Amino acid sequence: MVIKVFLASSSGSTAIKKKQQDVLGFLEALKVDYAPLDIACNEDNRMWMRENVPVEKKPTNGIPLPPQIFNEESYCGDYETFFDAKEDNAVYAFLGLPPPPGSKKREVPMEECNGDEHTEEVEAEVGGETGEEAAEEKVAEEKEAVEDTEESLEDTAPVKEEEAQEEVEDEEAKGEDDQPVSEQEEEDE
């Protein structure tokens, strides 16, 4: 299986160039075999890409911009969906590839993510918790951490106020001793 990345080698848009570089750089880092296909110099590549991007994935003007990513004939997505998969650590599932041996996280193909088909397997991997239960537990832990932080701030606040008051009093005391005295005042004393 070869991943096809449709690119524009002579794009005037720096945003498109950066997106293309991001996709290619990430695929190279993962050591994924891919074929860069130029749509700027090859009319056949451009027409194939435009015809094979699903209608619901095309922008409002109907012309998809590079980079567009395919696994052989199967459409994977554009830069935004690639970026989302990258953020979710699900690039192999996005590309329709099996995860490499020794990978820590089992990736579930996108079509299976929304179903209940693998719920029991996922629960077993997470220690009997569903994703929702794990998320609720994480929120509770974060809330507890915030409350602990607030309590420790409340405990230290009076101490800081007392220290600040002592510093002010010390400065005032110094100020009285360090005041310049005129010659007239010295003679009077």
C-alpha atoms as a PDB file:
ATOM      1  CA  MET A   1       0.000   0.000   0.000  1.00  0.00           C
ATOM      2  CA  VAL A   2       1.374   3.333  -1.056  1.00  0.00           C
ATOM      3  CA  ILE A   3       0.215   6.612   0.379  1.00  0.00           C
ATOM      4  CA  LYS A   4      -0.310   9.211  -2.347  1.00  0.00           C
ATOM      5  CA  VAL A   5       0.168  12.843  -1.395  1.00  0.00           C
ATOM      6  CA  PHE A   6      -1.014  15.291  -4.028  1.00  0.00           C
ATOM      7  CA  LEU A   7       1.094  18.464  -3.959  1.00  0.00           C
ATOM      8  CA  ALA A   8       1.606  21.643  -5.942  1.00  0.00           C
ATOM      9  CA  SER A   9       5.325  22.151  -6.563  1.00  0.00           C
ATOM     10  CA  SER A  10       4.865  25.697  -7.783  1.00  0.00           C
ATOM     11  CA  SER A  11       2.240  27.067  -5.425  1.00  0.00           C
ATOM     12  CA  GLY A  12       2.274  30.792  -4.811  1.00  0.00           C
ATOM     13  CA  SER A  13       0.684  30.295  -1.395  1.00  0.00           C
ATOM     14  CA  THR A  14       3.074  30.018   1.536  1.00  0.00           C
ATOM     15  CA  ALA A  15       0.254  28.471   3.603  1.00  0.00           C
ATOM     16  CA  ILE A  16      -0.103  25.615   1.097  1.00  0.00           C
ATOM     17  CA  LYS A  17       3.675  25.150   0.963  1.00  0.00           C
ATOM     18  CA  LYS A  18       3.875  24.934   4.767  1.00  0.00           C
ATOM     19  CA  LYS A  19       1.016  22.440   4.932  1.00  0.00           C
ATOM     20  CA  GLN A  20       2.645  20.269   2.270  1.00  0.00           C
ATOM     21  CA  GLN A  21       5.994  20.367   4.106  1.00  0.00           C
ATOM     22  CA  ASP A  22       4.282  19.484   7.384  1.00  0.00           C
ATOM     23  CA  VAL A  23       2.578  16.422   5.893  1.00  0.00           C
ATOM     24  CA  LEU A  24       5.693  15.185   4.069  1.00  0.00           C
ATOM     25  CA  GLY A  25       7.972  15.812   7.042  1.00  0.00           C
ATOM     26  CA  PHE A  26       5.675  13.895   9.381  1.00  0.00           C
ATOM     27  CA  LEU A  27       5.344  10.961   6.969  1.00  0.00           C
ATOM     28  CA  GLU A  28       9.127  10.842   6.618  1.00  0.00           C
ATOM     29  CA  ALA A  29       9.564  10.934  10.406  1.00  0.00           C
ATOM     30  CA  LEU A  30       7.187   7.968  10.724  1.00  0.00           C
ATOM     31  CA  LYS A  31       9.031   6.225   7.869  1.00  0.00           C
ATOM     32  CA  VAL A  32       5.773   5.785   5.948  1.00  0.00           C
ATOM     33  CA  ASP A  33       6.183   4.989   2.245  1.00  0.00           C
ATOM     34  CA  TYR A  34       4.511   7.673   0.189  1.00  0.00           C
ATOM     35  CA  ALA A  35       4.492   8.980  -3.364  1.00  0.00           C
ATOM     36  CA  PRO A  36       4.407  12.749  -3.839  1.00  0.00           C
ATOM     37  CA  LEU A  37       2.301  13.502  -6.921  1.00  0.00           C
ATOM     38  CA  ASP A  38       2.598  16.979  -8.397  1.00  0.00           C
ATOM     39  CA  ILE A  39      -0.632  18.545  -9.637  1.00  0.00           C
ATOM     40  CA  ALA A  40       1.062  21.697 -10.932  1.00  0.00           C
ATOM     41  CA  CYS A  41       3.140  19.954 -13.598  1.00  0.00           C
ATOM     42  CA  ASN A  42       0.957  16.939 -14.325  1.00  0.00           C
ATOM     43  CA  GLU A  43      -2.582  17.474 -15.592  1.00  0.00           C
ATOM     44  CA  ASP A  44      -3.445  13.761 -15.108  1.00  0.00           C
ATOM     45  CA  ASN A  45      -2.576  13.961 -11.397  1.00  0.00           C
ATOM     46  CA  ARG A  46      -4.651  17.124 -11.004  1.00  0.00           C
ATOM     47  CA  MET A  47      -7.700  15.622 -12.711  1.00  0.00           C
ATOM     48  CA  TRP A  48      -7.410  12.327 -10.793  1.00  0.00           C
ATOM     49  CA  MET A  49      -7.195  14.169  -7.457  1.00  0.00           C
ATOM     50  CA  ARG A  50     -10.168  16.428  -8.258  1.00  0.00           C
ATOM     51  CA  GLU A  51     -12.303  13.497  -9.388  1.00  0.00           C
ATOM     52  CA  ASN A  52     -11.482  11.283  -6.396  1.00  0.00           C
ATOM     53  CA  VAL A  53     -11.935  13.714  -3.504  1.00  0.00           C
ATOM     54  CA  PRO A  54     -15.457  12.929  -2.190  1.00  0.00           C
ATOM     55  CA  VAL A  55     -18.065  15.594  -2.942  1.00  0.00           C
ATOM     56  CA  GLU A  56     -18.775  16.179   0.771  1.00  0.00           C
ATOM     57  CA  LYS A  57     -15.055  16.874   1.359  1.00  0.00           C
ATOM     58  CA  LYS A  58     -14.677  19.434  -1.436  1.00  0.00           C
ATOM     59  CA  PRO A  59     -14.646  23.131  -0.556  1.00  0.00           C
ATOM     60  CA  THR A  60     -17.556  25.347  -1.615  1.00  0.00           C
ATOM     61  CA  ASN A  61     -15.841  26.319  -4.887  1.00  0.00           C
ATOM     62  CA  GLY A  62     -15.529  22.601  -5.731  1.00  0.00           C
ATOM     63  CA  ILE A  63     -11.765  22.593  -6.244  1.00  0.00           C
ATOM     64  CA  PRO A  64      -9.799  20.841  -3.495  1.00  0.00           C
ATOM     65  CA  LEU A  65      -6.438  22.391  -2.634  1.00  0.00           C
ATOM     66  CA  PRO A  66      -3.276  20.427  -1.927  1.00  0.00           C
ATOM     67  CA  PRO A  67      -2.173  18.576   0.039  1.00  0.00           C
ATOM     68  CA  GLN A  68      -4.731  15.810  -0.473  1.00  0.00           C
ATOM     69  CA  ILE A  69      -3.889  12.364   0.892  1.00  0.00           C
ATOM     70  CA  PHE A  70      -4.945   8.964  -0.476  1.00  0.00           C
ATOM     71  CA  ASN A  71      -4.144   5.363   0.390  1.00  0.00           C
ATOM     72  CA  GLU A  72      -3.949   3.896  -3.124  1.00  0.00           C
ATOM     73  CA  GLU A  73      -7.457   4.727  -4.445  1.00  0.00           C
ATOM     74  CA  SER A  74      -9.014   5.389  -1.029  1.00  0.00           C
ATOM     75  CA  TYR A  75      -9.350   9.018   0.093  1.00  0.00           C
ATOM     76  CA  CYS A  76      -7.829   9.698   3.531  1.00  0.00           C
ATOM     77  CA  GLY A  77      -8.269  13.450   3.842  1.00  0.00           C
ATOM     78  CA  ASP A  78      -6.807  16.908   3.449  1.00  0.00           C
ATOM     79  CA  TYR A  79      -4.360  18.800   5.644  1.00  0.00           C
ATOM     80  CA  GLU A  80      -6.928  19.663   8.339  1.00  0.00           C
ATOM     81  CA  THR A  81      -8.018  16.053   8.838  1.00  0.00           C
ATOM     82  CA  PHE A  82      -4.378  14.929   8.741  1.00  0.00           C
ATOM     83  CA  PHE A  83      -3.520  17.519  11.400  1.00  0.00           C
ATOM     84  CA  ASP A  84      -6.438  16.377  13.592  1.00  0.00           C
ATOM     85  CA  ALA A  85      -5.279  12.752  13.295  1.00  0.00           C
ATOM     86  CA  LYS A  86      -1.742  13.829  14.155  1.00  0.00           C
ATOM     87  CA  GLU A  87      -2.975  15.664  17.264  1.00  0.00           C
ATOM     88  CA  ASP A  88      -5.019  12.610  18.300  1.00  0.00           C
ATOM     89  CA  ASN A  89      -2.037  10.312  17.727  1.00  0.00           C
ATOM     90  CA  ALA A  90      -4.093   8.422  15.135  1.00  0.00           C
ATOM     91  CA  VAL A  91      -2.130   8.990  11.913  1.00  0.00           C
ATOM     92  CA  TYR A  92      -1.872   5.286  11.071  1.00  0.00           C
ATOM     93  CA  ALA A  93      -5.641   4.864  11.387  1.00  0.00           C
ATOM     94  CA  PHE A  94      -6.135   8.031   9.306  1.00  0.00           C
ATOM     95  CA  LEU A  95      -3.887   6.602   6.588  1.00  0.00           C
ATOM     96  CA  GLY A  96      -5.543   3.179   6.792  1.00  0.00           C
ATOM     97  CA  LEU A  97      -2.271   1.550   7.789  1.00  0.00           C
ATOM     98  CA  PRO A  98      -1.599  -0.910  10.594  1.00  0.00           C
ATOM     99  CA  PRO A  99       0.336   0.610  13.502  1.00  0.00           C
ATOM    100  CA  PRO A 100       4.016  -0.300  13.601  1.00  0.00           C
ATOM    101  CA  PRO A 101       5.086  -3.186  15.826  1.00  0.00           C
ATOM    102  CA  GLY A 102       5.727  -2.111  19.397  1.00  0.00           C
ATOM    103  CA  SER A 103       3.493   0.943  19.246  1.00  0.00           C
ATOM    104  CA  LYS A 104       2.026   1.769  22.654  1.00  0.00           C
ATOM    105  CA  LYS A 105      -1.460   2.784  21.635  1.00  0.00           C
ATOM    106  CA  ARG A 106      -3.808   0.505  19.742  1.00  0.00           C
ATOM    107  CA  GLU A 107      -5.382   2.572  16.997  1.00  0.00           C
ATOM    108  CA  VAL A 108      -8.945   1.834  15.934  1.00  0.00           C
ATOM    109  CA  PRO A 109      -9.878   2.538  12.296  1.00  0.00           C
ATOM    110  CA  MET A 110     -12.057   5.604  11.879  1.00  0.00           C
ATOM    111  CA  GLU A 111     -15.140   3.656  10.749  1.00  0.00           C
ATOM    112  CA  GLU A 112     -15.039   1.658  13.997  1.00  0.00           C
ATOM    113  CA  CYS A 113     -14.493   4.627  16.326  1.00  0.00           C
ATOM    114  CA  ASN A 114     -18.159   5.604  16.516  1.00  0.00           C
ATOM    115  CA  GLY A 115     -19.614   2.123  16.917  1.00  0.00           C
ATOM    116  CA  ASP A 116     -19.931  -0.098  19.974  1.00  0.00           C
ATOM    117  CA  GLU A 117     -18.281  -3.025  18.198  1.00  0.00           C
ATOM    118  CA  HIS A 118     -15.031  -2.861  20.192  1.00  0.00           C
ATOM    119  CA  THR A 119     -16.318  -1.375  23.440  1.00  0.00           C
ATOM    120  CA  GLU A 120     -15.453  -4.441  25.521  1.00  0.00           C
ATOM    121  CA  GLU A 121     -11.903  -4.630  24.091  1.00  0.00           C
ATOM    122  CA  VAL A 122     -11.292  -0.951  24.723  1.00  0.00           C
ATOM    123  CA  GLU A 123     -12.691  -1.219  28.259  1.00  0.00           C
ATOM    124  CA  ALA A 124     -10.338  -4.129  28.957  1.00  0.00           C
ATOM    125  CA  GLU A 125      -7.371  -2.096  27.648  1.00  0.00           C
ATOM    126  CA  VAL A 126      -8.282   0.892  29.817  1.00  0.00           C
ATOM    127  CA  GLY A 127      -8.807  -1.212  32.915  1.00  0.00           C
ATOM    128  CA  GLY A 128     -12.566  -1.709  32.753  1.00  0.00           C
ATOM    129  CA  GLU A 129     -13.424   1.948  32.283  1.00  0.00           C
ATOM    130  CA  THR A 130     -15.207   3.315  29.271  1.00  0.00           C
ATOM    131  CA  GLY A 131     -13.759   6.401  27.633  1.00  0.00           C
ATOM    132  CA  GLU A 132     -16.466   8.518  29.225  1.00  0.00           C
ATOM    133  CA  GLU A 133     -15.744   7.195  32.723  1.00  0.00           C
ATOM    134  CA  ALA A 134     -12.019   7.804  32.247  1.00  0.00           C
ATOM    135  CA  ALA A 135     -12.728  11.365  31.080  1.00  0.00           C
ATOM    136  CA  GLU A 136     -14.989  12.028  34.076  1.00  0.00           C
ATOM    137  CA  GLU A 137     -12.307  10.673  36.415  1.00  0.00           C
ATOM    138  CA  LYS A 138      -9.694  12.923  34.824  1.00  0.00           C
ATOM    139  CA  VAL A 139     -11.945  15.985  35.223  1.00  0.00           C
ATOM    140  CA  ALA A 140     -12.521  15.101  38.898  1.00  0.00           C
ATOM    141  CA  GLU A 141      -8.753  14.769  39.471  1.00  0.00           C
ATOM    142  CA  GLU A 142      -8.089  18.131  37.810  1.00  0.00           C
ATOM    143  CA  LYS A 143     -10.839  19.775  39.874  1.00  0.00           C
ATOM    144  CA  GLU A 144      -9.351  18.334  43.062  1.00  0.00           C
ATOM    145  CA  ALA A 145      -5.901  19.622  42.091  1.00  0.00           C
ATOM    146  CA  VAL A 146      -7.316  23.120  41.533  1.00  0.00           C
ATOM    147  CA  GLU A 147      -9.064  23.037  44.906  1.00  0.00           C
ATOM    148  CA  ASP A 148      -5.833  21.935  46.624  1.00  0.00           C
ATOM    149  CA  THR A 149      -3.972  24.793  44.972  1.00  0.00           C
ATOM    150  CA  GLU A 150      -6.615  27.302  46.040  1.00  0.00           C
ATOM    151  CA  GLU A 151      -6.485  26.018  49.636  1.00  0.00           C
ATOM    152  CA  SER A 152      -2.704  26.343  49.779  1.00  0.00           C
ATOM    153  CA  LEU A 153      -2.956  29.893  48.432  1.00  0.00           C
ATOM    154  CA  GLU A 154      -5.530  30.753  51.083  1.00  0.00           C
ATOM    155  CA  ASP A 155      -3.231  29.372  53.794  1.00  0.00           C
ATOM    156  CA  THR A 156      -0.276  31.471  52.659  1.00  0.00           C
ATOM    157  CA  ALA A 157      -2.224  34.690  51.983  1.00  0.00           C
ATOM    158  CA  PRO A 158      -2.460  35.862  55.661  1.00  0.00           C
ATOM    159  CA  VAL A 159       1.231  35.141  56.208  1.00  0.00           C
ATOM    160  CA  LYS A 160       2.175  37.224  53.188  1.00  0.00           C
ATOM    161  CA  GLU A 161      -0.028  40.079  54.376  1.00  0.00           C
ATOM    162  CA  GLU A 162       1.647  40.025  57.812  1.00  0.00           C
ATOM    163  CA  GLU A 163       5.111  39.995  56.224  1.00  0.00           C
ATOM    164  CA  ALA A 164       4.177  42.915  53.990  1.00  0.00           C
ATOM    165  CA  GLN A 165       2.873  44.903  56.973  1.00  0.00           C
ATOM    166  CA  GLU A 166       6.100  44.224  58.921  1.00  0.00           C
ATOM    167  CA  GLU A 167       8.171  45.414  55.954  1.00  0.00           C
ATOM    168  CA  VAL A 168       6.173  48.654  55.762  1.00  0.00           C
ATOM    169  CA  GLU A 169       6.640  49.248  59.478  1.00  0.00           C
ATOM    170  CA  ASP A 170      10.392  48.551  59.185  1.00  0.00           C
ATOM    171  CA  GLU A 171      10.679  51.015  56.287  1.00  0.00           C
ATOM    172  CA  GLU A 172       8.816  53.671  58.260  1.00  0.00           C
ATOM    173  CA  ALA A 173      11.100  53.163  61.240  1.00  0.00           C
ATOM    174  CA  LYS A 174      14.185  53.454  59.023  1.00  0.00           C
ATOM    175  CA  GLY A 175      12.736  56.512  57.391  1.00  0.00           C
ATOM    176  CA  GLU A 176      12.532  58.381  60.701  1.00  0.00           C
ATOM    177  CA  ASP A 177      16.186  57.701  61.514  1.00  0.00           C
ATOM    178  CA  ASP A 178      17.506  58.418  58.040  1.00  0.00           C
ATOM    179  CA  GLN A 179      15.753  61.759  57.475  1.00  0.00           C
ATOM    180  CA  PRO A 180      18.198  64.546  56.614  1.00  0.00           C
ATOM    181  CA  VAL A 181      18.334  67.123  59.316  1.00  0.00           C
ATOM    182  CA  SER A 182      18.985  70.796  58.653  1.00  0.00           C
ATOM    183  CA  GLU A 183      21.712  72.657  60.565  1.00  0.00           C
ATOM    184  CA  GLN A 184      19.065  74.640  62.406  1.00  0.00           C
ATOM    185  CA  GLU A 185      17.410  71.438  63.648  1.00  0.00           C
ATOM    186  CA  GLU A 186      20.775  70.053  64.786  1.00  0.00           C
ATOM    187  CA  GLU A 187      21.507  73.176  66.867  1.00  0.00           C
ATOM    188  CA  ASP A 188      18.075  72.963  68.488  1.00  0.00           C
ATOM    189  CA  GLU A 189      18.666  69.391  69.602  1.00  0.00           C
END
